[in-house]
């Protein structure tokens, strides 16, 4: 079972994205080897295992990330 998140990219790093979850307005660090494919302000859909760390900010590992239109 997987979970998805709609988010806005706030910051791009070499192997991660800092995003703002559109439904909770919470910042989340997303680990992904596809980080370089995205830019700040991109709206993305992130599919992940549903596991989120309790750290600040919370962290997830993306299984798939896709850019959303509009």
Protein backbone atom coordinates (compact mmCIF):
# COMPACT_ATOMS: atom_id res chain seq x y z
CA UNK A 1 0.00 0.00 0.00
CA UNK A 2 1.29 3.46 -0.89
CA UNK A 3 0.32 7.03 -0.06
CA UNK A 4 0.46 10.10 -2.26
CA UNK A 5 1.03 13.75 -1.47
CA UNK A 6 0.38 16.84 -3.54
CA UNK A 7 3.06 19.42 -2.76
CA UNK A 8 4.89 22.53 -3.92
CA UNK A 9 8.68 22.36 -4.23
CA UNK A 10 10.34 24.92 -1.95
CA UNK A 11 13.99 23.95 -2.39
CA UNK A 12 15.98 21.54 -4.57
CA UNK A 13 19.09 19.80 -3.19
CA UNK A 14 21.33 17.17 -4.78
CA UNK A 15 19.34 14.16 -3.53
CA UNK A 16 16.27 15.67 -1.91
CA UNK A 17 13.46 18.19 -2.21
CA UNK A 18 11.98 20.38 0.49
CA UNK A 19 8.27 20.60 -0.23
CA UNK A 20 5.15 22.06 1.30
CA UNK A 21 2.31 19.53 1.53
CA UNK A 22 -0.73 21.19 -0.08
CA UNK A 23 -3.22 19.55 2.29
CA UNK A 24 -1.45 20.24 5.62
CA UNK A 25 0.86 23.18 4.75
CA UNK A 26 3.64 21.19 6.48
CA UNK A 27 7.22 21.26 5.19
CA UNK A 28 8.52 17.78 4.33
CA UNK A 29 11.97 16.64 3.22
CA UNK A 30 11.64 14.18 0.34
CA UNK A 31 14.57 11.88 -0.41
CA UNK A 32 14.82 11.10 -4.14
CA UNK A 33 17.47 10.51 -6.77
CA UNK A 34 15.27 12.51 -9.20
CA UNK A 35 15.64 15.84 -7.36
CA UNK A 36 17.51 17.50 -10.24
CA UNK A 37 14.43 17.01 -12.47
CA UNK A 38 12.42 19.57 -10.47
CA UNK A 39 12.53 23.31 -9.75
CA UNK A 40 11.27 25.60 -7.02
CA UNK A 41 7.52 26.29 -7.26
CA UNK A 42 6.81 23.07 -9.21
CA UNK A 43 3.59 21.35 -8.10
CA UNK A 44 4.32 17.66 -7.71
CA UNK A 45 2.60 14.42 -6.79
CA UNK A 46 4.78 12.25 -4.58
CA UNK A 47 4.06 8.55 -4.08
CA UNK A 48 5.71 7.05 -0.99
CA UNK A 49 5.35 4.09 1.36
CA UNK A 50 3.26 5.99 3.90
CA UNK A 51 6.14 5.97 6.37
CA UNK A 52 7.14 9.46 7.55
CA UNK A 53 9.85 10.17 10.11
CA UNK A 54 8.97 12.12 13.23
CA UNK A 55 11.95 14.45 12.71
CA UNK A 56 11.74 18.18 12.09
CA UNK A 57 11.06 18.52 9.25
CA UNK A 58 9.40 15.15 8.69
CA UNK A 59 11.11 13.04 6.03
CA UNK A 60 9.88 10.58 3.42
CA UNK A 61 11.49 8.59 0.63
CA UNK A 62 9.76 8.98 -2.73
CA UNK A 63 8.86 5.92 -4.78
CA UNK A 64 7.71 8.13 -7.66
CA UNK A 65 7.44 11.88 -8.25
CA UNK A 66 5.59 13.51 -11.12
CA UNK A 67 5.04 17.15 -12.04
CA UNK A 68 1.41 18.25 -11.95
CA UNK A 69 -0.09 20.55 -14.56
CA UNK A 70 -1.78 23.78 -13.55
